[in-house]
Amino acid sequence: LPGLLRAAGLVGVAAEAYFPIASPACDLLETATIT
């Protein structure tokens, strides 16, 4: 994605993300995403 954005002429695009890999909610999120 960063390279695609640069190739499209977009600069200074930023984002922050957090994914809790040790949280009890992870199993539920993974199951919901897959199903």
All heavy atoms as atom14 arrays in JSON, in Angstrom:
{
  "sequence": "LPGLLRAAGLVGVAAEAYFPIASPACDLLETATIT",
  "atom14_mask": [
    [1, 1, 1, 1, 1, 1, 1, 1, 0, 0, 0, 0, 0, 0],
    [1, 1, 1, 1, 1, 1, 1, 0, 0, 0, 0, 0, 0, 0],
    [1, 1, 1, 1, 0, 0, 0, 0, 0, 0, 0, 0, 0, 0],
    [1, 1, 1, 1, 1, 1, 1, 1, 0, 0, 0, 0, 0, 0],
    [1, 1, 1, 1, 1, 1, 1, 1, 0, 0, 0, 0, 0, 0],
    [1, 1, 1, 1, 1, 1, 1, 1, 1, 1, 1, 0, 0, 0],
    [1, 1, 1, 1, 1, 0, 0, 0, 0, 0, 0, 0, 0, 0],
    [1, 1, 1, 1, 1, 0, 0, 0, 0, 0, 0, 0, 0, 0],
    [1, 1, 1, 1, 0, 0, 0, 0, 0, 0, 0, 0, 0, 0],
    [1, 1, 1, 1, 1, 1, 1, 1, 0, 0, 0, 0, 0, 0],
    [1, 1, 1, 1, 1, 1, 1, 0, 0, 0, 0, 0, 0, 0],
    [1, 1, 1, 1, 0, 0, 0, 0, 0, 0, 0, 0, 0, 0],
    [1, 1, 1, 1, 1, 1, 1, 0, 0, 0, 0, 0, 0, 0],
    [1, 1, 1, 1, 1, 0, 0, 0, 0, 0, 0, 0, 0, 0],
    [1, 1, 1, 1, 1, 0, 0, 0, 0, 0, 0, 0, 0, 0],
    [1, 1, 1, 1, 1, 1, 1, 1, 1, 0, 0, 0, 0, 0],
    [1, 1, 1, 1, 1, 0, 0, 0, 0, 0, 0, 0, 0, 0],
    [1, 1, 1, 1, 1, 1, 1, 1, 1, 1, 1, 1, 0, 0],
    [1, 1, 1, 1, 1, 1, 1, 1, 1, 1, 1, 0, 0, 0],
    [1, 1, 1, 1, 1, 1, 1, 0, 0, 0, 0, 0, 0, 0],
    [1, 1, 1, 1, 1, 1, 1, 1, 0, 0, 0, 0, 0, 0],
    [1, 1, 1, 1, 1, 0, 0, 0, 0, 0, 0, 0, 0, 0],
    [1, 1, 1, 1, 1, 1, 0, 0, 0, 0, 0, 0, 0, 0],
    [1, 1, 1, 1, 1, 1, 1, 0, 0, 0, 0, 0, 0, 0],
    [1, 1, 1, 1, 1, 0, 0, 0, 0, 0, 0, 0, 0, 0],
    [1, 1, 1, 1, 1, 1, 0, 0, 0, 0, 0, 0, 0, 0],
    [1, 1, 1, 1, 1, 1, 1, 1, 0, 0, 0, 0, 0, 0],
    [1, 1, 1, 1, 1, 1, 1, 1, 0, 0, 0, 0, 0, 0],
    [1, 1, 1, 1, 1, 1, 1, 1, 0, 0, 0, 0, 0, 0],
    [1, 1, 1, 1, 1, 1, 1, 1, 1, 0, 0, 0, 0, 0],
    [1, 1, 1, 1, 1, 1, 1, 0, 0, 0, 0, 0, 0, 0],
    [1, 1, 1, 1, 1, 0, 0, 0, 0, 0, 0, 0, 0, 0],
    [1, 1, 1, 1, 1, 1, 1, 0, 0, 0, 0, 0, 0, 0],
    [1, 1, 1, 1, 1, 1, 1, 1, 0, 0, 0, 0, 0, 0],
    [1, 1, 1, 1, 1, 1, 1, 0, 0, 0, 0, 0, 0, 0]
  ],
  "atom14_positions": [
    [[0.79, -1.22, 0.0], [0.0, 0.0, 0.0], [0.83, 1.28, 0.0], [0.53, 2.19, -0.79], [-0.99, -0.01, 1.16], [-1.96, 1.16, 1.22], [-2.77, 1.26, -0.07], [-2.86, 1.04, 2.43], [0.0, 0.0, 0.0], [0.0, 0.0, 0.0], [0.0, 0.0, 0.0], [0.0, 0.0, 0.0], [0.0, 0.0, 0.0], [0.0, 0.0, 0.0]],
    [[1.87, 1.43, 0.83], [2.63, 2.68, 0.77], [3.2, 2.98, -0.61], [3.14, 4.11, -1.09], [3.76, 2.46, 1.8], [3.19, 1.45, 2.75], [2.33, 0.55, 1.9], [0.0, 0.0, 0.0], [0.0, 0.0, 0.0], [0.0, 0.0, 0.0], [0.0, 0.0, 0.0], [0.0, 0.0, 0.0], [0.0, 0.0, 0.0], [0.0, 0.0, 0.0]],
    [[3.73, 1.99, -1.28], [4.26, 2.19, -2.63], [3.17, 2.55, -3.63], [3.38, 3.38, -4.52], [0.0, 0.0, 0.0], [0.0, 0.0, 0.0], [0.0, 0.0, 0.0], [0.0, 0.0, 0.0], [0.0, 0.0, 0.0], [0.0, 0.0, 0.0], [0.0, 0.0, 0.0], [0.0, 0.0, 0.0], [0.0, 0.0, 0.0], [0.0, 0.0, 0.0]],
    [[2.01, 1.94, -3.48], [0.88, 2.26, -4.37], [0.42, 3.7, -4.17], [0.11, 4.4, -5.14], [-0.28, 1.28, -4.12], [-0.03, -0.18, -4.48], [-1.16, -1.06, -3.95], [0.11, -0.33, -5.98], [0.0, 0.0, 0.0], [0.0, 0.0, 0.0], [0.0, 0.0, 0.0], [0.0, 0.0, 0.0], [0.0, 0.0, 0.0], [0.0, 0.0, 0.0]],
    [[0.39, 4.14, -2.92], [0.0, 5.52, -2.65], [1.0, 6.5, -3.22], [0.63, 7.51, -3.82], [-0.17, 5.73, -1.14], [-1.31, 4.97, -0.47], [-1.25, 5.14, 1.04], [-2.65, 5.41, -1.02], [0.0, 0.0, 0.0], [0.0, 0.0, 0.0], [0.0, 0.0, 0.0], [0.0, 0.0, 0.0], [0.0, 0.0, 0.0], [0.0, 0.0, 0.0]],
    [[2.3, 6.22, -3.05], [3.33, 7.09, -3.62], [3.23, 7.12, -5.14], [3.35, 8.18, -5.76], [4.72, 6.63, -3.18], [5.06, 7.02, -1.76], [6.53, 6.78, -1.45], [6.91, 5.38, -1.57], [6.79, 4.48, -0.6], [6.32, 4.84, 0.57], [7.16, 3.23, -0.8], [0.0, 0.0, 0.0], [0.0, 0.0, 0.0], [0.0, 0.0, 0.0]],
    [[3.02, 5.96, -5.75], [2.91, 5.89, -7.21], [1.71, 6.69, -7.71], [1.72, 7.19, -8.84], [2.79, 4.43, -7.65], [0.0, 0.0, 0.0], [0.0, 0.0, 0.0], [0.0, 0.0, 0.0], [0.0, 0.0, 0.0], [0.0, 0.0, 0.0], [0.0, 0.0, 0.0], [0.0, 0.0, 0.0], [0.0, 0.0, 0.0], [0.0, 0.0, 0.0]],
    [[0.68, 6.83, -6.88], [-0.5, 7.6, -7.26], [-0.31, 9.09, -6.98], [-1.22, 9.88, -7.2], [-1.72, 7.09, -6.5], [0.0, 0.0, 0.0], [0.0, 0.0, 0.0], [0.0, 0.0, 0.0], [0.0, 0.0, 0.0], [0.0, 0.0, 0.0], [0.0, 0.0, 0.0], [0.0, 0.0, 0.0], [0.0, 0.0, 0.0], [0.0, 0.0, 0.0]],
    [[0.88, 9.46, -6.49], [1.17, 10.86, -6.23], [0.76, 11.34, -4.85], [0.81, 12.53, -4.57], [0.0, 0.0, 0.0], [0.0, 0.0, 0.0], [0.0, 0.0, 0.0], [0.0, 0.0, 0.0], [0.0, 0.0, 0.0], [0.0, 0.0, 0.0], [0.0, 0.0, 0.0], [0.0, 0.0, 0.0], [0.0, 0.0, 0.0], [0.0, 0.0, 0.0]],
    [[0.36, 10.44, -4.0], [-0.04, 10.81, -2.65], [1.17, 10.75, -1.73], [1.85, 9.74, -1.65], [-1.13, 9.87, -2.14], [-2.41, 9.86, -2.97], [-3.33, 8.75, -2.51], [-3.11, 11.21, -2.89], [0.0, 0.0, 0.0], [0.0, 0.0, 0.0], [0.0, 0.0, 0.0], [0.0, 0.0, 0.0], [0.0, 0.0, 0.0], [0.0, 0.0, 0.0]],
    [[1.44, 11.84, -1.06], [2.57, 11.89, -0.13], [2.07, 12.35, 1.23], [1.04, 13.0, 1.35], [3.69, 12.83, -0.64], [4.29, 12.3, -1.92], [3.16, 14.23, -0.86], [0.0, 0.0, 0.0], [0.0, 0.0, 0.0], [0.0, 0.0, 0.0], [0.0, 0.0, 0.0], [0.0, 0.0, 0.0], [0.0, 0.0, 0.0], [0.0, 0.0, 0.0]],
    [[2.78, 12.01, 2.25], [2.41, 12.42, 3.59], [1.19, 11.7, 4.14], [0.57, 12.19, 5.07], [0.0, 0.0, 0.0], [0.0, 0.0, 0.0], [0.0, 0.0, 0.0], [0.0, 0.0, 0.0], [0.0, 0.0, 0.0], [0.0, 0.0, 0.0], [0.0, 0.0, 0.0], [0.0, 0.0, 0.0], [0.0, 0.0, 0.0], [0.0, 0.0, 0.0]],
    [[0.84, 10.57, 3.57], [-0.28, 9.8, 4.08], [0.21, 9.0, 5.28], [1.26, 8.37, 5.23], [-0.83, 8.83, 3.0], [-1.94, 7.98, 3.56], [-1.3, 9.62, 1.79], [0.0, 0.0, 0.0], [0.0, 0.0, 0.0], [0.0, 0.0, 0.0], [0.0, 0.0, 0.0], [0.0, 0.0, 0.0], [0.0, 0.0, 0.0], [0.0, 0.0, 0.0]],
    [[-0.54, 9.05, 6.36], [-0.13, 8.36, 7.57], [-1.32, 7.69, 8.23], [-2.46, 8.09, 8.01], [0.52, 9.33, 8.55], [0.0, 0.0, 0.0], [0.0, 0.0, 0.0], [0.0, 0.0, 0.0], [0.0, 0.0, 0.0], [0.0, 0.0, 0.0], [0.0, 0.0, 0.0], [0.0, 0.0, 0.0], [0.0, 0.0, 0.0], [0.0, 0.0, 0.0]],
    [[-1.02, 6.68, 9.01], [-2.06, 5.98, 9.75], [-1.43, 5.3, 10.95], [-0.24, 5.01, 10.95], [-2.75, 4.95, 8.87], [0.0, 0.0, 0.0], [0.0, 0.0, 0.0], [0.0, 0.0, 0.0], [0.0, 0.0, 0.0], [0.0, 0.0, 0.0], [0.0, 0.0, 0.0], [0.0, 0.0, 0.0], [0.0, 0.0, 0.0], [0.0, 0.0, 0.0]],
    [[-2.25, 5.06, 11.94], [-1.81, 4.29, 13.09], [-2.78, 3.14, 13.26], [-3.98, 3.27, 12.99], [-1.81, 5.14, 14.35], [-0.73, 6.19, 14.36], [-0.64, 6.91, 15.68], [-1.01, 6.32, 16.72], [-0.21, 8.06, 15.68], [0.0, 0.0, 0.0], [0.0, 0.0, 0.0], [0.0, 0.0, 0.0], [0.0, 0.0, 0.0], [0.0, 0.0, 0.0]],
    [[-2.26, 2.02, 13.66], [-3.11, 0.85, 13.87], [-2.65, 0.11, 15.11], [-1.49, 0.16, 15.49], [-3.05, -0.06, 12.66], [0.0, 0.0, 0.0], [0.0, 0.0, 0.0], [0.0, 0.0, 0.0], [0.0, 0.0, 0.0], [0.0, 0.0, 0.0], [0.0, 0.0, 0.0], [0.0, 0.0, 0.0], [0.0, 0.0, 0.0], [0.0, 0.0, 0.0]],
    [[-3.58, -0.57, 15.7], [-3.28, -1.39, 16.88], [-4.1, -2.66, 16.76], [-5.31, -2.6, 16.54], [-3.65, -0.64, 18.16], [-3.55, -1.5, 19.39], [-2.32, -1.84, 19.93], [-4.69, -1.99, 19.99], [-2.24, -2.64, 21.06], [-4.62, -2.79, 21.12], [-3.39, -3.11, 21.64], [-3.32, -3.9, 22.74], [0.0, 0.0, 0.0], [0.0, 0.0, 0.0]],
    [[-3.45, -3.77, 16.88], [-4.16, -5.05, 16.86], [-3.67, -5.86, 18.06], [-2.52, -6.27, 18.1], [-3.89, -5.82, 15.57], [-4.76, -7.04, 15.45], [-6.05, -6.94, 14.98], [-4.29, -8.28, 15.84], [-6.86, -8.06, 14.88], [-5.09, -9.41, 15.75], [-6.38, -9.29, 15.27], [0.0, 0.0, 0.0], [0.0, 0.0, 0.0], [0.0, 0.0, 0.0]],
    [[-4.52, -6.05, 19.04], [-4.11, -6.76, 20.25], [-3.99, -8.26, 20.01], [-4.99, -8.95, 19.87], [-5.24, -6.44, 21.23], [-6.43, -6.24, 20.36], [-5.91, -5.63, 19.09], [0.0, 0.0, 0.0], [0.0, 0.0, 0.0], [0.0, 0.0, 0.0], [0.0, 0.0, 0.0], [0.0, 0.0, 0.0], [0.0, 0.0, 0.0], [0.0, 0.0, 0.0]],
    [[-2.77, -8.75, 19.92], [-2.6, -10.17, 19.6], [-2.71, -11.07, 20.82], [-2.76, -12.28, 20.69], [-1.26, -10.42, 18.88], [-0.09, -9.98, 19.75], [-1.24, -9.73, 17.54], [1.25, -10.35, 19.21], [0.0, 0.0, 0.0], [0.0, 0.0, 0.0], [0.0, 0.0, 0.0], [0.0, 0.0, 0.0], [0.0, 0.0, 0.0], [0.0, 0.0, 0.0]],
    [[-2.75, -10.49, 22.01], [-2.84, -11.31, 23.22], [-4.14, -11.05, 23.98], [-4.22, -11.34, 25.15], [-1.64, -11.04, 24.11], [0.0, 0.0, 0.0], [0.0, 0.0, 0.0], [0.0, 0.0, 0.0], [0.0, 0.0, 0.0], [0.0, 0.0, 0.0], [0.0, 0.0, 0.0], [0.0, 0.0, 0.0], [0.0, 0.0, 0.0], [0.0, 0.0, 0.0]],
    [[-5.12, -10.5, 23.31], [-6.38, -10.18, 23.97], [-7.39, -11.3, 23.75], [-7.4, -11.94, 22.7], [-6.93, -8.88, 23.39], [-8.27, -8.68, 23.77], [0.0, 0.0, 0.0], [0.0, 0.0, 0.0], [0.0, 0.0, 0.0], [0.0, 0.0, 0.0], [0.0, 0.0, 0.0], [0.0, 0.0, 0.0], [0.0, 0.0, 0.0], [0.0, 0.0, 0.0]],
    [[-8.26, -11.55, 24.71], [-9.3, -12.56, 24.52], [-10.21, -12.23, 23.32], [-10.8, -13.12, 22.71], [-10.11, -12.51, 25.82], [-9.19, -11.93, 26.82], [-8.29, -10.99, 26.08], [0.0, 0.0, 0.0], [0.0, 0.0, 0.0], [0.0, 0.0, 0.0], [0.0, 0.0, 0.0], [0.0, 0.0, 0.0], [0.0, 0.0, 0.0], [0.0, 0.0, 0.0]],
    [[-10.29, -10.96, 22.94], [-11.13, -10.57, 21.81], [-10.53, -11.01, 20.47], [-11.23, -11.04, 19.47], [-11.34, -9.07, 21.81], [0.0, 0.0, 0.0], [0.0, 0.0, 0.0], [0.0, 0.0, 0.0], [0.0, 0.0, 0.0], [0.0, 0.0, 0.0], [0.0, 0.0, 0.0], [0.0, 0.0, 0.0], [0.0, 0.0, 0.0], [0.0, 0.0, 0.0]],
    [[-9.26, -11.35, 20.45], [-8.6, -11.74, 19.2], [-9.25, -12.97, 18.57], [-9.44, -13.02, 17.35], [-7.12, -12.0, 19.42], [-6.22, -10.51, 19.82], [0.0, 0.0, 0.0], [0.0, 0.0, 0.0], [0.0, 0.0, 0.0], [0.0, 0.0, 0.0], [0.0, 0.0, 0.0], [0.0, 0.0, 0.0], [0.0, 0.0, 0.0], [0.0, 0.0, 0.0]],
    [[-9.56, -13.96, 19.37], [-10.18, -15.18, 18.84], [-11.53, -14.85, 18.19], [-11.83, -15.33, 17.1], [-10.37, -16.23, 19.93], [-9.06, -16.81, 20.4], [-8.08, -16.77, 19.62], [-9.02, -17.3, 21.53], [0.0, 0.0, 0.0], [0.0, 0.0, 0.0], [0.0, 0.0, 0.0], [0.0, 0.0, 0.0], [0.0, 0.0, 0.0], [0.0, 0.0, 0.0]],
    [[-12.31, -14.02, 18.85], [-13.6, -13.63, 18.31], [-13.44, -12.84, 17.01], [-14.15, -13.08, 16.03], [-14.37, -12.81, 19.34], [-15.74, -12.31, 18.92], [-16.66, -13.48, 18.57], [-16.35, -11.47, 20.01], [0.0, 0.0, 0.0], [0.0, 0.0, 0.0], [0.0, 0.0, 0.0], [0.0, 0.0, 0.0], [0.0, 0.0, 0.0], [0.0, 0.0, 0.0]],
    [[-12.49, -11.91, 16.98], [-12.26, -11.11, 15.78], [-11.79, -11.98, 14.63], [-12.26, -11.85, 13.5], [-11.23, -10.01, 16.07], [-10.86, -9.12, 14.9], [-12.09, -8.41, 14.34], [-9.8, -8.11, 15.32], [0.0, 0.0, 0.0], [0.0, 0.0, 0.0], [0.0, 0.0, 0.0], [0.0, 0.0, 0.0], [0.0, 0.0, 0.0], [0.0, 0.0, 0.0]],
    [[-10.88, -12.9, 14.9], [-10.39, -13.8, 13.85], [-11.52, -14.68, 13.31], [-11.69, -14.83, 12.1], [-9.26, -14.67, 14.38], [-8.7, -15.6, 13.32], [-7.57, -16.46, 13.84], [-7.31, -16.46, 15.06], [-6.95, -17.15, 13.02], [0.0, 0.0, 0.0], [0.0, 0.0, 0.0], [0.0, 0.0, 0.0], [0.0, 0.0, 0.0], [0.0, 0.0, 0.0]],
    [[-12.33, -15.21, 14.2], [-13.46, -16.04, 13.78], [-14.44, -15.24, 12.94], [-14.9, -15.7, 11.88], [-14.17, -16.63, 15.0], [-13.24, -17.42, 15.73], [-15.35, -17.49, 14.6], [0.0, 0.0, 0.0], [0.0, 0.0, 0.0], [0.0, 0.0, 0.0], [0.0, 0.0, 0.0], [0.0, 0.0, 0.0], [0.0, 0.0, 0.0], [0.0, 0.0, 0.0]],
    [[-14.73, -14.02, 13.36], [-15.67, -13.19, 12.61], [-15.11, -12.83, 11.24], [-15.83, -12.82, 10.25], [-15.97, -11.92, 13.4], [0.0, 0.0, 0.0], [0.0, 0.0, 0.0], [0.0, 0.0, 0.0], [0.0, 0.0, 0.0], [0.0, 0.0, 0.0], [0.0, 0.0, 0.0], [0.0, 0.0, 0.0], [0.0, 0.0, 0.0], [0.0, 0.0, 0.0]],
    [[-13.82, -12.56, 11.16], [-13.2, -12.22, 9.89], [-13.22, -13.38, 8.93], [-13.54, -13.23, 7.74], [-11.74, -11.77, 10.12], [-11.74, -10.67, 11.01], [-11.08, -11.37, 8.83], [0.0, 0.0, 0.0], [0.0, 0.0, 0.0], [0.0, 0.0, 0.0], [0.0, 0.0, 0.0], [0.0, 0.0, 0.0], [0.0, 0.0, 0.0], [0.0, 0.0, 0.0]],
    [[-12.92, -14.55, 9.42], [-12.86, -15.74, 8.56], [-14.25, -16.18, 8.12], [-14.48, -16.47, 6.95], [-12.12, -16.89, 9.29], [-10.66, -16.51, 9.46], [-12.27, -18.19, 8.52], [-9.89, -17.44, 10.35], [0.0, 0.0, 0.0], [0.0, 0.0, 0.0], [0.0, 0.0, 0.0], [0.0, 0.0, 0.0], [0.0, 0.0, 0.0], [0.0, 0.0, 0.0]],
    [[-15.2, -16.18, 9.04], [-16.53, -16.68, 8.71], [-17.39, -15.66, 7.97], [-18.35, -16.03, 7.3], [-17.3, -17.17, 9.95], [-17.4, -16.09, 10.88], [-16.6, -18.34, 10.6], [0.0, 0.0, 0.0], [0.0, 0.0, 0.0], [0.0, 0.0, 0.0], [0.0, 0.0, 0.0], [0.0, 0.0, 0.0], [0.0, 0.0, 0.0], [0.0, 0.0, 0.0]]
  ]
}
